[in-house]
């Protein structure tokens, strides 16, 4: 999805209409999104700044899209929450639907995270509490956002958080659902597993996305990494990230447990409602954990010894060798060759106790899909353990996506060349 917000951005160059329905003067474009273009505008009747979303001309003749746009606008106008960007008005001008919203002054959570990397637990809890409050108000009206992410969280000058851009929201009430079954919308880095697979989506999908946002606020990176949607969607469905309190010791265990619960793969294992999440956040201790700063300052040598015990170098190196073997196996399978020669390094590496490569050791009789899945899972484990960096992990994930999707099929030389390039990079990591 393209970013679609109501904050000042460079003009897009789109010719602006003058005045909508003789009331809303469009002053400048703020950006384009999936459903249309957003403008900063002036309400000539109430003399205030507003944000106006005009439906994209390409969708105006799409009757289901127009009906969804207007119906969701009217439903959102009934949501009364200080943590949801308010909807003031909706209608059509020259048969082009429009939506009039609150103009939010401030920034977005995405911009704050770009500047700060991560935020302290107290700040993360405050922002997440506001998000949960806004989601609770929308869910009460039967509206599921389906695209909760940092760029859709607006931070006011008073530090309140507001949820905006319900452009792909779904109305869950039986008489108001216009989204076709099986459609997949949203942003892969924050998408719930059931949403990624085109399954039934309800309010608990928003809670999963909130868990991903909380993870990013606390850790400083997204739960899953990758440069293409295929690997991200795979990880959302099949991989479990480490707990945030294991990555950042200052995060309270109660908050780590809540984030893990929000990101449960089965919707039934997540909190039952946004209100429940609010209550849980309210009971989380947000004071810094003294033992972290004290132990590292007073006993740095002891802390270093513990870190070395948790992350011995040999199992990591063995796991990296396993990546090479699995990548060779994947290419051999697609080339129609015999994968058995490539399996022996994996067999050797899997014998090392506690090695991250132990799970893919059962790679006999693999298909390209299962070999790719094992390779993606192993790569994620190694990145989480700090054995390989984000760039190398992304290179491996991108290569797997290309091969599994057939881009490399029939070009054994190209595949072999890419394999050799990755082997050189991985050898550097082993060194």
Protein backbone atom coordinates (compact mmCIF):
# COMPACT_ATOMS: atom_id res chain seq x y z
CA UNK A 1 0.00 0.00 0.00
CA UNK A 2 1.19 3.53 -0.74
CA UNK A 3 1.43 5.77 2.27
CA UNK A 4 -1.64 7.87 2.68
CA UNK A 5 -1.59 10.39 5.49
CA UNK A 6 -2.89 13.79 6.39
CA UNK A 7 0.39 15.51 7.12
CA UNK A 8 2.15 18.13 4.99
CA UNK A 9 4.17 16.55 2.17
CA UNK A 10 5.41 17.90 -1.15
CA UNK A 11 2.59 18.56 -3.64
CA UNK A 12 1.97 15.81 -6.15
CA UNK A 13 1.30 18.15 -9.06
CA UNK A 14 -2.27 16.92 -9.52
CA UNK A 15 -4.54 19.77 -10.67
CA UNK A 16 -6.73 20.74 -7.74
CA UNK A 17 -10.46 21.29 -7.97
CA UNK A 18 -11.45 24.69 -6.65
CA UNK A 19 -14.25 24.07 -4.14
CA UNK A 20 -16.20 20.90 -3.34
CA UNK A 21 -19.96 21.24 -2.88
CA UNK A 22 -19.45 25.00 -2.47
CA UNK A 23 -17.92 24.43 0.96
CA UNK A 24 -14.48 22.77 0.98
CA UNK A 25 -11.66 24.67 -0.73
CA UNK A 26 -8.81 22.33 -1.66
CA UNK A 27 -5.57 24.13 -0.86
CA UNK A 28 -2.83 21.60 -1.59
CA UNK A 29 -2.25 17.92 -2.18
CA UNK A 30 -0.83 15.87 0.68
CA UNK A 31 -0.36 12.54 -1.08
CA UNK A 32 -1.85 9.67 -3.04
CA UNK A 33 -3.04 6.34 -1.68
CA UNK A 34 -4.83 3.20 -2.75
CA UNK A 35 -8.32 4.73 -2.67
CA UNK A 36 -7.60 8.28 -3.72
CA UNK A 37 -5.78 11.54 -3.06
CA UNK A 38 -5.71 13.51 0.20
CA UNK A 39 -5.74 17.31 0.32
CA UNK A 40 -5.34 19.94 2.96
CA UNK A 41 -8.50 22.01 2.65
CA UNK A 42 -10.45 24.81 4.29
CA UNK A 43 -14.01 24.42 5.50
CA UNK A 44 -15.48 27.73 4.29
CA UNK A 45 -18.52 27.36 6.55
CA UNK A 46 -16.76 26.64 9.85
CA UNK A 47 -13.47 28.36 8.93
CA UNK A 48 -11.19 25.51 9.95
CA UNK A 49 -8.55 23.33 8.31
CA UNK A 50 -9.67 19.86 7.31
CA UNK A 51 -8.30 16.94 5.30
CA UNK A 52 -10.32 15.87 2.25
CA UNK A 53 -9.91 12.52 0.55
CA UNK A 54 -11.14 12.39 -3.05
CA UNK A 55 -11.72 8.97 -4.56
CA UNK A 56 -9.32 8.12 -7.36
CA UNK A 57 -10.83 8.85 -10.80
CA UNK A 58 -9.96 5.28 -11.85
CA UNK A 59 -12.35 3.93 -9.19
CA UNK A 60 -15.25 6.31 -9.71
CA UNK A 61 -16.93 3.97 -12.21
CA UNK A 62 -16.39 0.94 -9.96
CA UNK A 63 -19.76 0.73 -8.23
CA UNK A 64 -18.70 -1.71 -5.46
CA UNK A 65 -15.66 0.49 -4.67
CA UNK A 66 -17.81 3.63 -4.57
CA UNK A 67 -20.37 1.93 -2.34
CA UNK A 68 -17.64 0.74 0.03
CA UNK A 69 -16.01 4.18 0.15
CA UNK A 70 -19.23 5.93 1.10
CA UNK A 71 -20.55 3.27 3.45
CA UNK A 72 -17.31 3.04 5.38
CA UNK A 73 -17.13 6.84 5.54
CA UNK A 74 -20.59 6.98 7.09
CA UNK A 75 -19.74 4.22 9.54
CA UNK A 76 -16.47 5.91 10.54
CA UNK A 77 -18.37 9.15 11.14
CA UNK A 78 -20.16 7.28 13.95
CA UNK A 79 -16.87 6.36 15.67
CA UNK A 80 -16.41 8.74 18.55
CA UNK A 81 -12.90 8.43 19.95
CA UNK A 82 -10.07 10.88 20.61
CA UNK A 83 -7.76 8.18 19.27
CA UNK A 84 -9.34 7.91 15.82
CA UNK A 85 -8.94 10.58 13.13
CA UNK A 86 -12.43 12.09 13.11
CA UNK A 87 -14.65 11.97 10.02
CA UNK A 88 -16.72 15.12 9.60
CA UNK A 89 -18.55 14.67 6.33
CA UNK A 90 -18.88 12.52 3.21
CA UNK A 91 -20.69 12.77 -0.08
CA UNK A 92 -20.22 13.16 -3.83
CA UNK A 93 -19.27 16.09 -5.99
CA UNK A 94 -19.79 15.68 -9.72
CA UNK A 95 -20.24 11.94 -9.01
CA UNK A 96 -16.83 11.76 -7.35
CA UNK A 97 -17.01 10.55 -3.72
CA UNK A 98 -15.18 12.55 -1.08
CA UNK A 99 -14.45 12.21 2.63
CA UNK A 100 -13.82 15.13 5.01
CA UNK A 101 -11.62 14.34 8.02
CA UNK A 102 -9.87 15.98 10.92
CA UNK A 103 -6.59 17.60 9.91
CA UNK A 104 -3.95 16.23 12.30
CA UNK A 105 -1.04 18.50 13.11
CA UNK A 106 2.06 16.68 14.24
CA UNK A 107 3.92 13.68 12.89
CA UNK A 108 3.49 9.95 12.41
CA UNK A 109 4.85 7.10 14.48
CA UNK A 110 6.80 5.99 11.41
CA UNK A 111 8.63 9.30 11.27
CA UNK A 112 9.36 9.21 14.98
CA UNK A 113 10.83 5.71 14.71
CA UNK A 114 12.98 6.73 11.76
CA UNK A 115 14.46 9.44 13.94
CA UNK A 116 14.72 7.58 17.24
CA UNK A 117 15.14 3.92 16.24
CA UNK A 118 13.18 2.62 19.20
CA UNK A 119 11.36 4.14 22.16
CA UNK A 120 11.44 3.42 25.87
CA UNK A 121 8.87 0.95 27.26
CA UNK A 122 6.83 3.70 28.98
CA UNK A 123 6.48 5.61 25.71
CA UNK A 124 5.65 2.46 23.75
CA UNK A 125 2.97 1.50 26.28
CA UNK A 126 1.41 5.00 26.11
CA UNK A 127 1.24 4.96 22.29
CA UNK A 128 -0.04 1.38 22.18
CA UNK A 129 -2.72 2.19 24.74
CA UNK A 130 -4.02 5.01 22.53
CA UNK A 131 -3.96 2.73 19.48
CA UNK A 132 -5.87 0.04 21.36
CA UNK A 133 -8.40 2.66 22.49
CA UNK A 134 -8.99 3.79 18.92
CA UNK A 135 -9.29 0.21 17.67
CA UNK A 136 -11.77 -0.60 20.44
CA UNK A 137 -14.00 2.28 19.31
CA UNK A 138 -13.83 1.16 15.66
CA UNK A 139 -14.40 -2.52 16.51
CA UNK A 140 -17.47 -1.57 18.54
CA UNK A 141 -18.94 -0.19 15.29
CA UNK A 142 -18.03 -3.38 13.44
CA UNK A 143 -15.06 -1.83 11.61
CA UNK A 144 -11.78 -3.73 11.27
CA UNK A 145 -8.91 -1.50 10.14
CA UNK A 146 -6.73 -4.23 8.50
CA UNK A 147 -3.77 -1.92 7.92
CA UNK A 148 -2.48 -0.88 11.35
CA UNK A 149 1.13 0.25 10.89
CA UNK A 150 3.35 3.12 12.07
CA UNK A 151 2.59 5.35 9.06
CA UNK A 152 -1.13 5.16 9.92
CA UNK A 153 -0.58 6.23 13.54
CA UNK A 154 -0.61 10.01 13.91
CA UNK A 155 1.05 11.71 16.88
CA UNK A 156 -0.35 15.08 17.92
CA UNK A 157 1.67 17.92 19.49
CA UNK A 158 0.32 16.77 22.88
CA UNK A 159 1.71 13.25 22.21
CA UNK A 160 -1.69 11.61 21.78
CA UNK A 161 -1.85 8.86 19.16
CA UNK A 162 -4.66 8.64 16.62
CA UNK A 163 -5.43 5.86 14.15
CA UNK A 164 -6.06 7.08 10.61
CA UNK A 165 -6.45 5.87 7.03
CA UNK A 166 -9.26 3.36 7.21
CA UNK A 167 -9.07 3.17 3.40
CA UNK A 168 -9.12 -0.64 3.33
CA UNK A 169 -11.20 -1.13 6.44
CA UNK A 170 -13.81 -3.84 6.44
CA UNK A 171 -17.28 -3.58 7.93
CA UNK A 172 -17.90 -6.80 9.80
CA UNK A 173 -21.64 -6.50 10.34
CA UNK A 174 -23.57 -8.88 8.05
CA UNK A 175 -25.52 -6.08 6.38
CA UNK A 176 -22.47 -3.94 5.76
CA UNK A 177 -19.69 -6.21 4.50
CA UNK A 178 -18.66 -5.31 0.96
CA UNK A 179 -15.18 -6.83 0.79
CA UNK A 180 -14.99 -9.97 -1.33
CA UNK A 181 -13.99 -13.20 0.40
CA UNK A 182 -10.39 -14.18 -0.27
CA UNK A 183 -9.08 -10.70 -1.03
CA UNK A 184 -5.80 -9.82 0.66
CA UNK A 185 -5.09 -6.23 1.63
CA UNK A 186 -2.66 -4.63 4.03
CA UNK A 187 1.08 -4.30 4.57
CA UNK A 188 3.13 -7.56 4.74
CA UNK A 189 5.42 -6.41 7.60
CA UNK A 190 2.38 -6.01 9.88
CA UNK A 191 -0.15 -8.41 8.35
CA UNK A 192 -1.88 -11.10 10.41
CA UNK A 193 -1.36 -14.69 9.18
CA UNK A 194 -5.06 -15.21 8.43
CA UNK A 195 -5.08 -11.98 6.43
CA UNK A 196 -1.97 -12.99 4.49
CA UNK A 197 -3.54 -16.31 3.47
CA UNK A 198 -6.89 -14.80 2.47
CA UNK A 199 -8.75 -16.32 5.41
CA UNK A 200 -11.50 -14.89 7.57
CA UNK A 201 -10.42 -11.60 9.10
CA UNK A 202 -11.92 -10.11 12.25
CA UNK A 203 -10.89 -7.62 14.94
CA UNK A 204 -8.12 -9.92 16.17
CA UNK A 205 -6.18 -9.25 12.94
CA UNK A 206 -5.81 -5.62 14.07
CA UNK A 207 -4.48 -6.86 17.42
CA UNK A 208 -1.80 -8.91 15.63
CA UNK A 209 -0.77 -5.79 13.69
CA UNK A 210 -0.67 -3.83 16.95
CA UNK A 211 1.70 -6.50 18.30
CA UNK A 212 3.99 -5.97 15.30
CA UNK A 213 3.95 -2.19 15.88
CA UNK A 214 4.72 -2.67 19.59
CA UNK A 215 7.60 -5.02 18.69
CA UNK A 216 9.07 -2.38 16.39
CA UNK A 217 8.71 0.40 18.96
CA UNK A 218 10.46 -1.65 21.65
CA UNK A 219 13.18 -3.34 19.60
CA UNK A 220 13.87 -0.76 16.90
CA UNK A 221 13.16 -3.08 13.99
CA UNK A 222 10.22 -4.96 12.54
CA UNK A 223 9.53 -8.50 13.77
CA UNK A 224 10.45 -9.95 10.37
CA UNK A 225 12.91 -8.72 7.79
CA UNK A 226 13.03 -9.08 4.03
CA UNK A 227 12.89 -6.98 0.90
CA UNK A 228 10.06 -8.80 -0.85
CA UNK A 229 6.47 -9.53 0.10
CA UNK A 230 6.84 -13.30 -0.46
CA UNK A 231 9.39 -13.82 2.31
CA UNK A 232 7.57 -11.45 4.68
CA UNK A 233 4.23 -13.19 4.19
CA UNK A 234 5.89 -16.59 4.65
CA UNK A 235 7.42 -15.46 7.94
CA UNK A 236 4.13 -13.97 9.17
CA UNK A 237 2.46 -17.34 8.63
CA UNK A 238 5.22 -19.72 9.75
CA UNK A 239 7.89 -17.98 11.87
CA UNK A 240 7.76 -16.83 15.48
CA UNK A 241 10.00 -13.88 16.42
CA UNK A 242 11.91 -13.88 19.70
CA UNK A 243 10.30 -12.21 22.69
CA UNK A 244 11.01 -8.51 22.94
CA UNK A 245 12.18 -8.81 26.54
CA UNK A 246 14.83 -11.33 25.42
CA UNK A 247 16.15 -8.82 22.86
CA UNK A 248 15.90 -5.69 25.03
CA UNK A 249 16.48 -6.46 28.73
CA UNK A 250 14.87 -3.19 29.87
CA UNK A 251 11.49 -4.38 28.58
CA UNK A 252 9.39 -5.82 31.43
CA UNK A 253 8.55 -9.51 31.15
CA UNK A 254 4.83 -8.69 31.36
CA UNK A 255 5.12 -6.51 28.26
CA UNK A 256 7.15 -9.17 26.46
CA UNK A 257 4.41 -11.72 27.20
CA UNK A 258 1.70 -9.35 25.94
CA UNK A 259 3.52 -8.72 22.63
CA UNK A 260 4.01 -12.47 22.16
CA UNK A 261 0.30 -13.04 22.84
CA UNK A 262 -0.74 -10.35 20.36
CA UNK A 263 1.44 -11.98 17.69
CA UNK A 264 0.10 -15.51 18.22
CA UNK A 265 -0.45 -17.24 14.87
CA UNK A 266 -3.86 -18.59 15.90
CA UNK A 267 -6.36 -15.74 16.42
CA UNK A 268 -7.88 -17.77 19.26
CA UNK A 269 -4.61 -17.48 21.20
CA UNK A 270 -4.58 -13.66 21.06
CA UNK A 271 -6.34 -11.33 23.50
CA UNK A 272 -10.09 -11.41 22.91
CA UNK A 273 -10.54 -7.67 22.31
CA UNK A 274 -8.84 -4.30 22.10
CA UNK A 275 -10.37 -3.44 25.48
CA UNK A 276 -8.57 -6.43 26.98
CA UNK A 277 -5.32 -5.16 25.47
CA UNK A 278 -5.94 -1.74 27.03
CA UNK A 279 -6.38 -3.31 30.45
CA UNK A 280 -3.25 -5.43 30.03
CA UNK A 281 -1.19 -2.38 29.00
CA UNK A 282 -2.50 -0.50 32.02
CA UNK A 283 -1.10 -3.15 34.36
CA UNK A 284 2.37 -3.33 32.75
CA UNK A 285 5.14 -1.84 34.91
CA UNK A 286 6.93 0.80 32.86
CA UNK A 287 9.73 1.80 35.22
CA UNK A 288 13.20 0.86 33.92
CA UNK A 289 14.43 -2.51 35.19
CA UNK A 290 17.24 -1.67 37.59
CA UNK A 291 18.96 -5.02 37.36
CA UNK A 292 19.85 -4.44 33.70
CA UNK A 293 21.73 -1.18 34.12
CA UNK A 294 23.23 -2.23 37.46
CA UNK A 295 24.52 -5.61 36.36
CA UNK A 296 26.10 -4.32 33.15
CA UNK A 297 27.71 -1.34 34.89
CA UNK A 298 29.00 -3.16 37.98
CA UNK A 299 29.78 -6.56 36.53
CA UNK A 300 30.63 -6.03 32.84
CA UNK A 301 32.92 -9.08 32.74
CA UNK A 302 30.23 -11.34 34.19
CA UNK A 303 27.69 -9.98 31.67
CA UNK A 304 30.11 -10.67 28.85
CA UNK A 305 30.60 -14.27 30.07
CA UNK A 306 26.85 -14.81 30.16
CA UNK A 307 26.43 -13.44 26.65
CA UNK A 308 29.15 -15.76 25.40
CA UNK A 309 27.45 -18.73 27.03
CA UNK A 310 24.14 -17.83 25.42
CA UNK A 311 25.67 -17.38 21.97
CA UNK A 312 28.63 -19.78 21.47
CA UNK A 313 30.32 -19.13 18.15
CA UNK A 314 30.56 -22.73 16.90
CA UNK A 315 26.82 -23.52 16.63
CA UNK A 316 26.34 -20.22 14.78
CA UNK A 317 29.11 -21.07 12.32
CA UNK A 318 27.60 -24.52 11.85
CA UNK A 319 24.24 -22.94 11.19
CA UNK A 320 25.76 -20.65 8.56
CA UNK A 321 27.29 -23.68 6.84
CA UNK A 322 23.78 -25.14 6.90
CA UNK A 323 22.55 -22.12 4.93
CA UNK A 324 25.08 -22.86 2.19
CA UNK A 325 24.00 -26.51 2.07
CA UNK A 326 20.29 -25.70 1.96
CA UNK A 327 20.81 -23.11 -0.77
CA UNK A 328 22.74 -25.65 -2.85
CA UNK A 329 19.97 -28.19 -2.22
CA UNK A 330 17.31 -25.75 -3.37
CA UNK A 331 19.14 -24.98 -6.61
CA UNK A 332 19.78 -28.70 -7.22
CA UNK A 333 16.09 -29.50 -6.76
CA UNK A 334 15.01 -26.85 -9.24
CA UNK A 335 17.65 -27.97 -11.71
CA UNK A 336 16.33 -31.52 -11.43
CA UNK A 337 19.58 -32.82 -10.03
CA UNK A 338 20.31 -35.14 -7.12
CA UNK A 339 20.34 -33.17 -3.88
CA UNK A 340 22.11 -35.84 -1.88
CA UNK A 341 25.64 -34.43 -2.24
CA UNK A 342 24.42 -31.14 -0.79
CA UNK A 343 22.85 -32.82 2.20
CA UNK A 344 26.03 -34.01 3.85
CA UNK A 345 27.24 -30.60 5.08
CA UNK A 346 23.80 -30.05 6.58
CA UNK A 347 23.97 -33.46 8.23
CA UNK A 348 27.35 -32.59 9.75
CA UNK A 349 26.27 -29.18 10.97
CA UNK A 350 23.13 -30.57 12.54
CA UNK A 351 25.12 -32.80 14.85
CA UNK A 352 26.45 -29.82 16.76
CA UNK A 353 24.55 -29.40 20.04
CA UNK A 354 22.18 -26.39 20.18
CA UNK A 355 23.06 -25.41 16.62
CA UNK A 356 20.50 -23.16 14.90
CA UNK A 357 20.72 -25.48 11.91
CA UNK A 358 19.30 -28.46 13.78
CA UNK A 359 15.76 -27.96 12.54
CA UNK A 360 16.57 -28.21 8.80
CA UNK A 361 18.57 -31.40 9.31
CA UNK A 362 15.65 -33.46 8.05
CA UNK A 363 15.88 -32.14 4.51
CA UNK A 364 15.84 -35.48 2.76
CA UNK A 365 13.23 -35.87 0.03
CA UNK A 366 12.67 -32.11 -0.14
CA UNK A 367 10.60 -30.17 -2.63
CA UNK A 368 11.76 -26.68 -3.66
CA UNK A 369 9.02 -25.16 -1.50
CA UNK A 370 9.95 -27.08 1.66
CA UNK A 371 13.68 -26.55 1.10
CA UNK A 372 13.01 -22.83 0.64
CA UNK A 373 10.88 -22.77 3.78
CA UNK A 374 13.65 -24.45 5.80
CA UNK A 375 16.23 -22.03 4.43
CA UNK A 376 14.10 -18.98 5.29
CA UNK A 377 13.50 -20.26 8.81
CA UNK A 378 17.21 -20.97 9.36
CA UNK A 379 18.19 -17.57 8.00
CA UNK A 380 15.78 -15.86 10.40
CA UNK A 381 17.22 -17.86 13.34
CA UNK A 382 20.76 -16.84 12.43
CA UNK A 383 19.82 -13.18 12.07
CA UNK A 384 18.04 -13.23 15.43
CA UNK A 385 21.14 -14.85 17.00
CA UNK A 386 23.36 -12.11 15.56
CA UNK A 387 25.34 -14.54 13.40
CA UNK A 388 24.52 -12.74 10.13
CA UNK A 389 23.53 -9.14 9.52
CA UNK A 390 20.32 -7.74 8.01
CA UNK A 391 21.86 -7.22 4.54
CA UNK A 392 23.06 -10.80 4.19
CA UNK A 393 19.75 -12.15 5.52
CA UNK A 394 17.88 -10.01 2.96
CA UNK A 395 20.14 -11.27 0.14
CA UNK A 396 19.39 -14.89 1.08
CA UNK A 397 15.65 -14.24 1.43
CA UNK A 398 15.54 -12.45 -1.92
CA UNK A 399 17.39 -15.33 -3.61
CA UNK A 400 14.98 -17.87 -2.14
CA UNK A 401 11.99 -15.82 -3.28
CA UNK A 402 13.36 -15.67 -6.84
CA UNK A 403 14.16 -19.37 -7.02
CA UNK A 404 10.91 -20.64 -5.44
CA UNK A 405 8.82 -18.36 -7.64
CA UNK A 406 10.49 -19.77 -10.72
CA UNK A 407 12.63 -16.78 -11.70
CA UNK A 408 15.72 -18.89 -11.63
CA UNK A 409 14.20 -22.01 -13.18
CA UNK A 410 15.89 -23.12 -16.30
CA UNK A 411 18.89 -20.89 -15.76
CA UNK A 412 21.22 -23.15 -13.88
CA UNK A 413 24.23 -20.97 -14.66
CA UNK A 414 22.61 -17.86 -13.20
CA UNK A 415 21.44 -19.78 -10.15
CA UNK A 416 24.90 -21.23 -9.66
CA UNK A 417 26.48 -17.80 -9.99
CA UNK A 418 24.12 -16.34 -7.37
CA UNK A 419 24.82 -19.32 -5.14
CA UNK A 420 28.58 -18.77 -5.40
CA UNK A 421 28.19 -15.04 -4.65
CA UNK A 422 26.18 -15.84 -1.53
CA UNK A 423 28.70 -18.51 -0.51
CA UNK A 424 31.46 -15.88 -0.58
CA UNK A 425 29.42 -13.55 1.63
CA UNK A 426 28.51 -16.36 3.99
CA UNK A 427 32.16 -17.45 4.20
CA UNK A 428 32.98 -13.95 5.42
CA UNK A 429 30.38 -14.36 8.17
CA UNK A 430 31.90 -17.71 9.17
CA UNK A 431 35.36 -16.10 9.38
